[in-house]
Amino acid sequence: GILIMLLGIPLLQADEIDYLNEFSMKMAFEHRVLISDGIDANELEQWEFSEALLIDRTDCIDITYHGFDDGLPNDTLIPSDRSRVEDIRVEEMDMITISDVGHVRSMTAIFDISVRKREEALLGLLLTSFVIVLLGLGMVSFTKDVRNLVIVPIEHMIQLVREISENPLGKDFSLKVDDKKHKDDDMETTLLIRTISKIAGLMRVGFGEAGADIIGKNLNITGTDTMNLLGNGRKIHSIFGFCDVRQFTDTTECLQEEVMLFVNRIAHILHSIVVQCDGAANKNIGDAFLLTWKVNTDQLGGSCKDHNYSGDKALYS
């Protein structure tokens, strides 16, 4: 954008340098001075030629001589098709005065520059429109980059934290494969989103069903930067299940260091089945797993069939 501006602005600026008017005046004035001093009698024809050239090649509308007593007219006749001084504005006139060394004799000419002023006005409008369009495109491009690199990631982080505070266990907040491909740009905002997603995943594993409400309440509390993990308790209705690996001690002696792979495989199978049955693996200690099925309080006043359905899912798992 800056390069286009540097290339376009000089092309839309009017050329204010005009040497022809002043050069033609100097020629006519020098010949008139020579005639007045009587140095060369043949200067009259050259003066008339230079004055005619000044009128013909320029937009001169008035010529006046001062301080000359050579008998020649001090006011030059201008063609009738030219504009008159009284008919144009001051801004559309260019007055040039040249004089001799002692400022005794001088020559004043007025030029009609209305055409150049209109050209300057048109180029000024084009230049202003060009700059406005260029700045508008630059602002749109800058706004697009700011939105994609700053605003959208921040909104994503806010939405992610809001979803975690509403239900820490209700959604898998880890980045998917497609999201990782689109967010592999090493930006600070991307790193923050990844960090929040990893923290959410760690909370799912570390706190479980029992700690979900505690995390949600602490995230919803505003005006404090501390986390209260010892709040007031709340009575819940839940179905508890207990799972134990048989002969785990003998299995440990046989598998030795590979016992961790064995336990992790069992944990993966158990967690998957329990989650499919609307339950949650609360904790495990070695070979023992504690499983819970939280009963909805809205169903407590319903029929026994609803409660049996929750129990059936626990037994089925």
C-alpha atoms as a PDB file:
ATOM      1  CA  GLY A   1       0.000   0.000   0.000  1.00  0.00           C
ATOM      2  CA  ILE A   2       2.813   2.437   0.844  1.00  0.00           C
ATOM      3  CA  LEU A   3       4.571   1.604  -2.440  1.00  0.00           C
ATOM      4  CA  ILE A   4       1.375   2.258  -4.422  1.00  0.00           C
ATOM      5  CA  MET A   5       0.937   5.569  -2.590  1.00  0.00           C
ATOM      6  CA  LEU A   6       4.521   6.613  -3.351  1.00  0.00           C
ATOM      7  CA  LEU A   7       4.027   5.792  -7.034  1.00  0.00           C
ATOM      8  CA  GLY A   8       0.537   7.268  -7.398  1.00  0.00           C
ATOM      9  CA  ILE A   9       0.741  10.568  -5.516  1.00  0.00           C
ATOM     10  CA  PRO A  10       3.397  12.205  -7.784  1.00  0.00           C
ATOM     11  CA  LEU A  11       1.313  11.313 -10.836  1.00  0.00           C
ATOM     12  CA  LEU A  12      -1.721  13.133  -9.408  1.00  0.00           C
ATOM     13  CA  GLN A  13       0.082  16.357  -8.506  1.00  0.00           C
ATOM     14  CA  ALA A  14       0.024  19.379 -10.844  1.00  0.00           C
ATOM     15  CA  ASP A  15       3.303  20.810 -12.121  1.00  0.00           C
ATOM     16  CA  GLU A  16       3.486  24.285 -10.649  1.00  0.00           C
ATOM     17  CA  ILE A  17       6.765  25.251 -12.366  1.00  0.00           C
ATOM     18  CA  ASP A  18       6.141  27.462 -15.395  1.00  0.00           C
ATOM     19  CA  TYR A  19       9.216  29.132 -16.940  1.00  0.00           C
ATOM     20  CA  LEU A  20       7.668  30.277 -20.238  1.00  0.00           C
ATOM     21  CA  ASN A  21       5.798  33.283 -18.842  1.00  0.00           C
ATOM     22  CA  GLU A  22       8.743  34.792 -16.995  1.00  0.00           C
ATOM     23  CA  PHE A  23      11.237  33.982 -19.787  1.00  0.00           C
ATOM     24  CA  SER A  24       9.065  35.668 -22.439  1.00  0.00           C
ATOM     25  CA  MET A  25       8.626  38.727 -20.206  1.00  0.00           C
ATOM     26  CA  LYS A  26      12.393  39.062 -19.722  1.00  0.00           C
ATOM     27  CA  MET A  27      12.978  39.003 -23.464  1.00  0.00           C
ATOM     28  CA  ALA A  28      10.392  41.739 -24.119  1.00  0.00           C
ATOM     29  CA  PHE A  29      11.577  43.830 -21.150  1.00  0.00           C
ATOM     30  CA  GLU A  30      15.264  43.681 -22.183  1.00  0.00           C
ATOM     31  CA  HIS A  31      14.465  44.800 -25.715  1.00  0.00           C
ATOM     32  CA  ARG A  32      12.306  47.650 -24.384  1.00  0.00           C
ATOM     33  CA  VAL A  33      15.161  48.776 -22.103  1.00  0.00           C
ATOM     34  CA  LEU A  34      17.576  48.821 -25.060  1.00  0.00           C
ATOM     35  CA  ILE A  35      15.091  50.909 -27.053  1.00  0.00           C
ATOM     36  CA  SER A  36      14.682  53.327 -24.148  1.00  0.00           C
ATOM     37  CA  ASP A  37      18.466  53.704 -23.764  1.00  0.00           C
ATOM     38  CA  GLY A  38      18.889  54.266 -27.516  1.00  0.00           C
ATOM     39  CA  ILE A  39      21.654  51.692 -27.821  1.00  0.00           C
ATOM     40  CA  ASP A  40      20.315  49.975 -30.918  1.00  0.00           C
ATOM     41  CA  ALA A  41      17.699  51.429 -33.272  1.00  0.00           C
ATOM     42  CA  ASN A  42      16.852  47.973 -34.648  1.00  0.00           C
ATOM     43  CA  GLU A  43      15.569  46.815 -31.248  1.00  0.00           C
ATOM     44  CA  LEU A  44      12.055  48.046 -32.051  1.00  0.00           C
ATOM     45  CA  GLU A  45      11.345  45.127 -34.370  1.00  0.00           C
ATOM     46  CA  GLN A  46      12.816  42.634 -31.920  1.00  0.00           C
ATOM     47  CA  TRP A  47      10.776  44.114 -29.071  1.00  0.00           C
ATOM     48  CA  GLU A  48       7.570  43.908 -31.115  1.00  0.00           C
ATOM     49  CA  PHE A  49       8.404  40.310 -32.049  1.00  0.00           C
ATOM     50  CA  SER A  50       9.155  39.272 -28.438  1.00  0.00           C
ATOM     51  CA  GLU A  51       5.994  40.985 -27.166  1.00  0.00           C
ATOM     52  CA  ALA A  52       3.891  39.308 -29.855  1.00  0.00           C
ATOM     53  CA  LEU A  53       5.507  35.986 -28.927  1.00  0.00           C
ATOM     54  CA  LEU A  54       4.662  36.611 -25.259  1.00  0.00           C
ATOM     55  CA  ILE A  55       1.010  37.231 -26.082  1.00  0.00           C
ATOM     56  CA  ASP A  56       0.743  34.361 -28.560  1.00  0.00           C
ATOM     57  CA  ARG A  57       2.474  31.611 -26.544  1.00  0.00           C
ATOM     58  CA  THR A  58       1.036  32.458 -23.128  1.00  0.00           C
ATOM     59  CA  ASP A  59      -2.332  33.283 -21.574  1.00  0.00           C
ATOM     60  CA  CYS A  60      -1.364  36.900 -20.927  1.00  0.00           C
ATOM     61  CA  ILE A  61      -4.358  39.209 -20.460  1.00  0.00           C
ATOM     62  CA  ASP A  62      -2.631  42.470 -19.501  1.00  0.00           C
ATOM     63  CA  ILE A  63       0.831  44.057 -19.990  1.00  0.00           C
ATOM     64  CA  THR A  64       1.861  47.371 -18.427  1.00  0.00           C
ATOM     65  CA  TYR A  65       5.211  49.213 -18.555  1.00  0.00           C
ATOM     66  CA  HIS A  66       6.322  51.703 -15.904  1.00  0.00           C
ATOM     67  CA  GLY A  67       9.120  54.282 -15.984  1.00  0.00           C
ATOM     68  CA  PHE A  68       9.691  54.327 -19.754  1.00  0.00           C
ATOM     69  CA  ASP A  69       9.753  57.718 -21.643  1.00  0.00           C
ATOM     70  CA  ASP A  70      10.652  56.418 -25.078  1.00  0.00           C
ATOM     71  CA  GLY A  71       7.383  57.458 -26.678  1.00  0.00           C
ATOM     72  CA  LEU A  72       6.095  53.881 -27.023  1.00  0.00           C
ATOM     73  CA  PRO A  73       2.738  52.873 -25.489  1.00  0.00           C
ATOM     74  CA  ASN A  74       2.941  51.636 -21.941  1.00  0.00           C
ATOM     75  CA  ASP A  75      -0.205  49.515 -22.248  1.00  0.00           C
ATOM     76  CA  THR A  76      -0.197  46.666 -24.749  1.00  0.00           C
ATOM     77  CA  LEU A  77      -3.321  45.696 -26.656  1.00  0.00           C
ATOM     78  CA  ILE A  78      -4.533  42.192 -25.837  1.00  0.00           C
ATOM     79  CA  PRO A  79      -6.691  40.124 -28.264  1.00  0.00           C
ATOM     80  CA  SER A  80     -10.399  40.510 -27.581  1.00  0.00           C
ATOM     81  CA  ASP A  81     -10.964  36.763 -27.226  1.00  0.00           C
ATOM     82  CA  ARG A  82      -8.893  36.712 -24.028  1.00  0.00           C
ATOM     83  CA  SER A  83     -10.470  36.992 -20.600  1.00  0.00           C
ATOM     84  CA  ARG A  84     -10.533  40.390 -18.951  1.00  0.00           C
ATOM     85  CA  VAL A  85      -8.996  41.114 -15.597  1.00  0.00           C
ATOM     86  CA  GLU A  86     -12.370  42.132 -14.202  1.00  0.00           C
ATOM     87  CA  ASP A  87     -13.986  38.829 -15.203  1.00  0.00           C
ATOM     88  CA  ILE A  88     -11.730  36.373 -13.387  1.00  0.00           C
ATOM     89  CA  ARG A  89     -11.027  35.790  -9.716  1.00  0.00           C
ATOM     90  CA  VAL A  90      -7.850  36.782  -7.965  1.00  0.00           C
ATOM     91  CA  GLU A  91      -6.977  33.098  -7.436  1.00  0.00           C
ATOM     92  CA  GLU A  92      -7.110  32.564 -11.213  1.00  0.00           C
ATOM     93  CA  MET A  93      -4.608  35.359 -11.964  1.00  0.00           C
ATOM     94  CA  ASP A  94      -0.820  35.198 -11.852  1.00  0.00           C
ATOM     95  CA  MET A  95       0.868  38.632 -11.693  1.00  0.00           C
ATOM     96  CA  ILE A  96       4.578  38.833 -12.527  1.00  0.00           C
ATOM     97  CA  THR A  97       6.665  42.014 -12.262  1.00  0.00           C
ATOM     98  CA  ILE A  98      10.250  42.414 -13.425  1.00  0.00           C
ATOM     99  CA  SER A  99      12.395  45.562 -13.172  1.00  0.00           C
ATOM    100  CA  ASP A 100      15.877  46.833 -13.861  1.00  0.00           C
ATOM    101  CA  VAL A 101      18.693  47.091 -11.333  1.00  0.00           C
ATOM    102  CA  GLY A 102      17.592  50.425  -9.924  1.00  0.00           C
ATOM    103  CA  HIS A 103      13.889  49.536  -9.965  1.00  0.00           C
ATOM    104  CA  VAL A 104      13.241  52.618 -12.074  1.00  0.00           C
ATOM    105  CA  ARG A 105      11.702  50.829 -14.996  1.00  0.00           C
ATOM    106  CA  SER A 106       9.483  47.796 -14.622  1.00  0.00           C
ATOM    107  CA  MET A 107       7.124  45.577 -16.541  1.00  0.00           C
ATOM    108  CA  THR A 108       4.004  43.951 -15.071  1.00  0.00           C
ATOM    109  CA  ALA A 109       2.066  41.190 -16.799  1.00  0.00           C
ATOM    110  CA  ILE A 110      -1.074  39.348 -15.650  1.00  0.00           C
ATOM    111  CA  PHE A 111      -1.683  35.786 -16.833  1.00  0.00           C
ATOM    112  CA  ASP A 112      -4.916  33.824 -16.860  1.00  0.00           C
ATOM    113  CA  ILE A 113      -4.245  30.575 -14.978  1.00  0.00           C
ATOM    114  CA  SER A 114      -7.884  29.457 -14.631  1.00  0.00           C
ATOM    115  CA  VAL A 115      -7.223  26.369 -16.786  1.00  0.00           C
ATOM    116  CA  ARG A 116      -4.309  25.331 -14.588  1.00  0.00           C
ATOM    117  CA  LYS A 117      -6.364  25.957 -11.450  1.00  0.00           C
ATOM    118  CA  ARG A 118      -9.156  23.736 -12.763  1.00  0.00           C
ATOM    119  CA  GLU A 119      -6.585  21.067 -13.558  1.00  0.00           C
ATOM    120  CA  GLU A 120      -5.134  21.371 -10.064  1.00  0.00           C
ATOM    121  CA  ALA A 121      -8.627  21.099  -8.553  1.00  0.00           C
ATOM    122  CA  LEU A 122      -9.387  17.988 -10.604  1.00  0.00           C
ATOM    123  CA  LEU A 123      -6.078  16.379  -9.710  1.00  0.00           C
ATOM    124  CA  GLY A 124      -6.684  17.321  -6.073  1.00  0.00           C
ATOM    125  CA  LEU A 125     -10.016  15.512  -6.144  1.00  0.00           C
ATOM    126  CA  LEU A 126      -8.442  12.473  -7.786  1.00  0.00           C
ATOM    127  CA  LEU A 127      -5.583  12.515  -5.265  1.00  0.00           C
ATOM    128  CA  THR A 128      -7.986  12.752  -2.323  1.00  0.00           C
ATOM    129  CA  SER A 129     -10.137   9.936  -3.708  1.00  0.00           C
ATOM    130  CA  PHE A 130      -7.035   7.824  -4.353  1.00  0.00           C
ATOM    131  CA  VAL A 131      -5.752   8.310  -0.803  1.00  0.00           C
ATOM    132  CA  ILE A 132      -9.203   7.597   0.688  1.00  0.00           C
ATOM    133  CA  VAL A 133      -9.576   4.376  -1.311  1.00  0.00           C
ATOM    134  CA  LEU A 134      -6.025   3.295  -0.496  1.00  0.00           C
ATOM    135  CA  LEU A 135      -6.448   4.023   3.217  1.00  0.00           C
ATOM    136  CA  GLY A 136      -9.834   2.277   3.183  1.00  0.00           C
ATOM    137  CA  LEU A 137      -8.338  -0.851   1.635  1.00  0.00           C
ATOM    138  CA  GLY A 138      -5.463  -0.701   4.108  1.00  0.00           C
ATOM    139  CA  MET A 139      -7.885  -0.340   7.011  1.00  0.00           C
ATOM    140  CA  VAL A 140      -9.950  -3.297   5.776  1.00  0.00           C
ATOM    141  CA  SER A 141      -6.827  -5.421   5.414  1.00  0.00           C
ATOM    142  CA  PHE A 142      -5.561  -4.349   8.847  1.00  0.00           C
ATOM    143  CA  THR A 143      -8.969  -4.971  10.435  1.00  0.00           C
ATOM    144  CA  LYS A 144      -9.122  -8.419   8.845  1.00  0.00           C
ATOM    145  CA  ASP A 145      -5.688  -9.324  10.224  1.00  0.00           C
ATOM    146  CA  VAL A 146      -6.575  -7.971  13.676  1.00  0.00           C
ATOM    147  CA  ARG A 147      -9.808  -9.958  13.690  1.00  0.00           C
ATOM    148  CA  ASN A 148      -8.186 -13.203  12.530  1.00  0.00           C
ATOM    149  CA  LEU A 149      -5.088 -12.928  14.727  1.00  0.00           C
ATOM    150  CA  VAL A 150      -6.449 -11.223  17.873  1.00  0.00           C
ATOM    151  CA  ILE A 151     -10.216 -10.863  18.178  1.00  0.00           C
ATOM    152  CA  VAL A 152     -11.287 -14.331  16.982  1.00  0.00           C
ATOM    153  CA  PRO A 153      -8.729 -16.210  19.162  1.00  0.00           C
ATOM    154  CA  ILE A 154      -9.679 -14.131  22.216  1.00  0.00           C
ATOM    155  CA  GLU A 155     -13.389 -14.777  21.585  1.00  0.00           C
ATOM    156  CA  HIS A 156     -12.550 -18.470  21.203  1.00  0.00           C
ATOM    157  CA  MET A 157     -10.710 -18.448  24.542  1.00  0.00           C
ATOM    158  CA  ILE A 158     -13.598 -16.666  26.277  1.00  0.00           C
ATOM    159  CA  GLN A 159     -16.106 -19.136  24.812  1.00  0.00           C
ATOM    160  CA  LEU A 160     -13.883 -22.055  25.816  1.00  0.00           C
ATOM    161  CA  VAL A 161     -13.597 -20.839  29.422  1.00  0.00           C
ATOM    162  CA  ARG A 162     -17.358 -20.194  29.530  1.00  0.00           C
ATOM    163  CA  GLU A 163     -18.092 -23.737  28.334  1.00  0.00           C
ATOM    164  CA  ILE A 164     -15.663 -25.182  30.870  1.00  0.00           C
ATOM    165  CA  SER A 165     -17.267 -23.190  33.685  1.00  0.00           C
ATOM    166  CA  GLU A 166     -20.761 -24.317  32.674  1.00  0.00           C
ATOM    167  CA  ASN A 167     -19.931 -28.002  32.410  1.00  0.00           C
ATOM    168  CA  PRO A 168     -16.289 -29.084  32.849  1.00  0.00           C
ATOM    169  CA  LEU A 169     -17.117 -32.694  31.917  1.00  0.00           C
ATOM    170  CA  GLY A 170     -19.726 -32.106  29.246  1.00  0.00           C
ATOM    171  CA  LYS A 171     -17.413 -31.757  26.263  1.00  0.00           C
ATOM    172  CA  ASP A 172     -14.007 -32.835  25.053  1.00  0.00           C
ATOM    173  CA  PHE A 173     -12.125 -29.522  25.041  1.00  0.00           C
ATOM    174  CA  SER A 174      -8.907 -30.881  23.521  1.00  0.00           C
ATOM    175  CA  LEU A 175      -7.967 -29.673  20.061  1.00  0.00           C
ATOM    176  CA  LYS A 176      -8.917 -31.949  17.216  1.00  0.00           C
ATOM    177  CA  VAL A 177      -6.574 -32.935  14.403  1.00  0.00           C
ATOM    178  CA  ASP A 178      -8.090 -30.405  11.976  1.00  0.00           C
ATOM    179  CA  ASP A 179      -7.885 -27.618  14.569  1.00  0.00           C
ATOM    180  CA  LYS A 180      -4.233 -28.404  15.199  1.00  0.00           C
ATOM    181  CA  LYS A 181      -3.466 -28.130  11.477  1.00  0.00           C
ATOM    182  CA  HIS A 182      -5.167 -24.724  11.251  1.00  0.00           C
ATOM    183  CA  LYS A 183      -3.643 -23.471  14.510  1.00  0.00           C
ATOM    184  CA  ASP A 184      -0.052 -24.591  13.955  1.00  0.00           C
ATOM    185  CA  ASP A 185       1.215 -21.024  13.639  1.00  0.00           C
ATOM    186  CA  ASP A 186       3.120 -20.524  16.940  1.00  0.00           C
ATOM    187  CA  MET A 187       1.064 -17.433  17.774  1.00  0.00           C
ATOM    188  CA  GLU A 188       0.708 -16.422  21.429  1.00  0.00           C
ATOM    189  CA  THR A 189      -3.074 -16.636  21.220  1.00  0.00           C
ATOM    190  CA  THR A 190      -2.848 -20.149  19.761  1.00  0.00           C
ATOM    191  CA  LEU A 191      -0.534 -21.202  22.568  1.00  0.00           C
ATOM    192  CA  LEU A 192      -3.036 -19.846  25.110  1.00  0.00           C
ATOM    193  CA  ILE A 193      -5.891 -21.786  23.488  1.00  0.00           C
ATOM    194  CA  ARG A 194      -3.803 -24.954  23.557  1.00  0.00           C
ATOM    195  CA  THR A 195      -2.924 -24.350  27.192  1.00  0.00           C
ATOM    196  CA  ILE A 196      -6.575 -23.846  28.156  1.00  0.00           C
ATOM    197  CA  SER A 197      -7.544 -27.001  26.250  1.00  0.00           C
ATOM    198  CA  LYS A 198      -4.835 -29.015  27.992  1.00  0.00           C
ATOM    199  CA  ILE A 199      -5.842 -27.647  31.399  1.00  0.00           C
ATOM    200  CA  ALA A 200      -9.457 -28.605  30.659  1.00  0.00           C
ATOM    201  CA  GLY A 201      -8.349 -32.100  29.717  1.00  0.00           C
ATOM    202  CA  LEU A 202      -6.288 -32.412  32.901  1.00  0.00           C
ATOM    203  CA  MET A 203      -9.277 -31.271  34.977  1.00  0.00           C
ATOM    204  CA  ARG A 204     -11.428 -33.944  33.334  1.00  0.00           C
ATOM    205  CA  VAL A 205      -8.910 -36.593  34.345  1.00  0.00           C
ATOM    206  CA  GLY A 206      -7.878 -35.208  37.718  1.00  0.00           C
ATOM    207  CA  PHE A 207     -11.123 -33.992  39.275  1.00  0.00           C
ATOM    208  CA  GLY A 208     -13.659 -36.275  37.655  1.00  0.00           C
ATOM    209  CA  GLU A 209     -17.386 -36.101  38.290  1.00  0.00           C
ATOM    210  CA  ALA A 210     -16.987 -35.158  41.934  1.00  0.00           C
ATOM    211  CA  GLY A 211     -14.844 -32.127  41.227  1.00  0.00           C
ATOM    212  CA  ALA A 212     -16.727 -30.849  38.193  1.00  0.00           C
ATOM    213  CA  ASP A 213     -19.121 -28.727  40.244  1.00  0.00           C
ATOM    214  CA  ILE A 214     -16.277 -27.281  42.304  1.00  0.00           C
ATOM    215  CA  ILE A 215     -14.349 -26.243  39.198  1.00  0.00           C
ATOM    216  CA  GLY A 216     -17.463 -24.802  37.553  1.00  0.00           C
ATOM    217  CA  LYS A 217     -18.378 -22.731  40.604  1.00  0.00           C
ATOM    218  CA  ASN A 218     -14.868 -21.333  41.000  1.00  0.00           C
ATOM    219  CA  LEU A 219     -14.718 -20.362  37.317  1.00  0.00           C
ATOM    220  CA  ASN A 220     -18.056 -18.583  37.564  1.00  0.00           C
ATOM    221  CA  ILE A 221     -16.996 -16.534  40.582  1.00  0.00           C
ATOM    222  CA  THR A 222     -15.836 -13.033  39.555  1.00  0.00           C
ATOM    223  CA  GLY A 223     -13.818 -10.507  41.516  1.00  0.00           C
ATOM    224  CA  THR A 224     -11.400 -12.980  43.083  1.00  0.00           C
ATOM    225  CA  ASP A 225      -8.212 -14.671  41.905  1.00  0.00           C
ATOM    226  CA  THR A 226      -8.217 -17.502  44.457  1.00  0.00           C
ATOM    227  CA  MET A 227      -9.814 -20.938  44.170  1.00  0.00           C
ATOM    228  CA  ASN A 228     -11.986 -22.213  47.021  1.00  0.00           C
ATOM    229  CA  LEU A 229     -11.901 -26.006  47.054  1.00  0.00           C
ATOM    230  CA  LEU A 230     -13.438 -26.294  50.538  1.00  0.00           C
ATOM    231  CA  GLY A 231     -16.876 -24.844  49.932  1.00  0.00           C
ATOM    232  CA  ASN A 232     -20.117 -26.050  51.400  1.00  0.00           C
ATOM    233  CA  GLY A 233     -21.070 -29.576  50.492  1.00  0.00           C
ATOM    234  CA  ARG A 234     -24.179 -30.595  48.580  1.00  0.00           C
ATOM    235  CA  LYS A 235     -26.202 -33.746  48.934  1.00  0.00           C
ATOM    236  CA  ILE A 236     -26.501 -35.780  45.750  1.00  0.00           C
ATOM    237  CA  HIS A 237     -28.167 -39.052  44.830  1.00  0.00           C
ATOM    238  CA  SER A 238     -25.859 -41.413  43.058  1.00  0.00           C
ATOM    239  CA  ILE A 239     -25.300 -45.064  42.274  1.00  0.00           C
ATOM    240  CA  PHE A 240     -21.824 -46.308  43.185  1.00  0.00           C
ATOM    241  CA  GLY A 241     -20.056 -49.233  41.642  1.00  0.00           C
ATOM    242  CA  PHE A 242     -16.828 -50.886  42.675  1.00  0.00           C
ATOM    243  CA  CYS A 243     -14.566 -52.788  40.282  1.00  0.00           C
ATOM    244  CA  ASP A 244     -11.531 -54.813  41.355  1.00  0.00           C
ATOM    245  CA  VAL A 245      -8.947 -56.680  39.282  1.00  0.00           C
ATOM    246  CA  ARG A 246      -8.765 -60.245  40.475  1.00  0.00           C
ATOM    247  CA  GLN A 247      -5.389 -61.664  41.523  1.00  0.00           C
ATOM    248  CA  PHE A 248      -3.723 -58.324  40.833  1.00  0.00           C
ATOM    249  CA  THR A 249      -0.766 -59.166  43.106  1.00  0.00           C
ATOM    250  CA  ASP A 250       0.051 -62.325  41.171  1.00  0.00           C
ATOM    251  CA  THR A 251      -0.368 -60.428  37.893  1.00  0.00           C
ATOM    252  CA  THR A 252       2.057 -57.771  39.107  1.00  0.00           C
ATOM    253  CA  GLU A 253       4.664 -60.411  39.928  1.00  0.00           C
ATOM    254  CA  CYS A 254       4.330 -61.893  36.469  1.00  0.00           C
ATOM    255  CA  LEU A 255       4.251 -58.697  34.384  1.00  0.00           C
ATOM    256  CA  GLN A 256       6.727 -56.668  36.462  1.00  0.00           C
ATOM    257  CA  GLU A 257       7.257 -53.257  34.727  1.00  0.00           C
ATOM    258  CA  GLU A 258       4.638 -54.041  32.087  1.00  0.00           C
ATOM    259  CA  VAL A 259       1.923 -54.019  34.711  1.00  0.00           C
ATOM    260  CA  MET A 260       1.285 -50.318  33.983  1.00  0.00           C
ATOM    261  CA  LEU A 261       0.321 -51.115  30.390  1.00  0.00           C
ATOM    262  CA  PHE A 262      -1.990 -53.799  31.714  1.00  0.00           C
ATOM    263  CA  VAL A 263      -3.668 -51.434  34.179  1.00  0.00           C
ATOM    264  CA  ASN A 264      -3.989 -48.658  31.588  1.00  0.00           C
ATOM    265  CA  ARG A 265      -5.620 -51.034  29.115  1.00  0.00           C
ATOM    266  CA  ILE A 266      -8.127 -52.154  31.733  1.00  0.00           C
ATOM    267  CA  ALA A 267      -8.765 -48.518  32.715  1.00  0.00           C
ATOM    268  CA  HIS A 268      -9.356 -47.553  29.072  1.00  0.00           C
ATOM    269  CA  ILE A 269     -11.916 -50.333  28.586  1.00  0.00           C
ATOM    270  CA  LEU A 270     -13.634 -49.577  31.891  1.00  0.00           C
ATOM    271  CA  HIS A 271     -13.807 -45.803  31.339  1.00  0.00           C
ATOM    272  CA  SER A 272     -15.180 -46.229  27.814  1.00  0.00           C
ATOM    273  CA  ILE A 273     -17.966 -48.599  28.885  1.00  0.00           C
ATOM    274  CA  VAL A 274     -18.943 -46.514  31.927  1.00  0.00           C
ATOM    275  CA  VAL A 275     -19.105 -43.295  29.887  1.00  0.00           C
ATOM    276  CA  GLN A 276     -21.267 -44.994  27.258  1.00  0.00           C
ATOM    277  CA  CYS A 277     -23.665 -45.923  30.059  1.00  0.00           C
ATOM    278  CA  ASP A 278     -23.870 -42.299  31.302  1.00  0.00           C
ATOM    279  CA  GLY A 279     -21.578 -42.917  34.249  1.00  0.00           C
ATOM    280  CA  ALA A 280     -18.179 -41.680  35.347  1.00  0.00           C
ATOM    281  CA  ALA A 281     -15.069 -43.338  36.736  1.00  0.00           C
ATOM    282  CA  ASN A 282     -14.507 -41.384  39.934  1.00  0.00           C
ATOM    283  CA  LYS A 283     -11.096 -42.653  41.051  1.00  0.00           C
ATOM    284  CA  ASN A 284      -8.864 -45.677  41.134  1.00  0.00           C
ATOM    285  CA  ILE A 285      -6.317 -46.948  43.648  1.00  0.00           C
ATOM    286  CA  GLY A 286      -4.106 -49.603  42.152  1.00  0.00           C
ATOM    287  CA  ASP A 287      -6.407 -52.394  41.008  1.00  0.00           C
ATOM    288  CA  ALA A 288      -9.612 -50.847  42.417  1.00  0.00           C
ATOM    289  CA  PHE A 289     -11.919 -48.491  40.499  1.00  0.00           C
ATOM    290  CA  LEU A 290     -14.783 -46.444  41.963  1.00  0.00           C
ATOM    291  CA  LEU A 291     -17.606 -45.810  39.488  1.00  0.00           C
ATOM    292  CA  THR A 292     -20.551 -43.452  39.910  1.00  0.00           C
ATOM    293  CA  TRP A 293     -23.888 -42.838  38.203  1.00  0.00           C
ATOM    294  CA  LYS A 294     -25.366 -39.553  39.287  1.00  0.00           C
ATOM    295  CA  VAL A 295     -29.151 -39.640  39.612  1.00  0.00           C
ATOM    296  CA  ASN A 296     -30.963 -36.584  38.327  1.00  0.00           C
ATOM    297  CA  THR A 297     -32.794 -34.857  41.183  1.00  0.00           C
ATOM    298  CA  ASP A 298     -35.713 -34.081  38.861  1.00  0.00           C
ATOM    299  CA  GLN A 299     -36.426 -37.824  38.610  1.00  0.00           C
ATOM    300  CA  LEU A 300     -36.686 -38.382  42.358  1.00  0.00           C
ATOM    301  CA  GLY A 301     -40.368 -37.570  42.365  1.00  0.00           C
ATOM    302  CA  GLY A 302     -41.100 -39.664  39.279  1.00  0.00           C
ATOM    303  CA  SER A 303     -41.883 -43.310  38.838  1.00  0.00           C
ATOM    304  CA  CYS A 304     -39.664 -46.174  39.919  1.00  0.00           C
ATOM    305  CA  LYS A 305     -39.115 -47.028  36.287  1.00  0.00           C
ATOM    306  CA  ASP A 306     -36.870 -43.991  35.847  1.00  0.00           C
ATOM    307  CA  HIS A 307     -34.717 -44.985  38.823  1.00  0.00           C
ATOM    308  CA  ASN A 308     -34.541 -48.578  37.630  1.00  0.00           C
ATOM    309  CA  TYR A 309     -33.335 -47.298  34.258  1.00  0.00           C
ATOM    310  CA  SER A 310     -30.339 -45.594  35.890  1.00  0.00           C
ATOM    311  CA  GLY A 311     -29.645 -48.718  37.898  1.00  0.00           C
ATOM    312  CA  ASP A 312     -29.980 -50.924  34.805  1.00  0.00           C
ATOM    313  CA  LYS A 313     -27.334 -48.876  33.020  1.00  0.00           C
ATOM    314  CA  ALA A 314     -25.008 -49.267  36.006  1.00  0.00           C
ATOM    315  CA  LEU A 315     -25.552 -53.033  36.071  1.00  0.00           C
ATOM    316  CA  TYR A 316     -25.207 -53.267  32.307  1.00  0.00           C
ATOM    317  CA  SER A 317     -21.795 -51.618  32.355  1.00  0.00           C
END
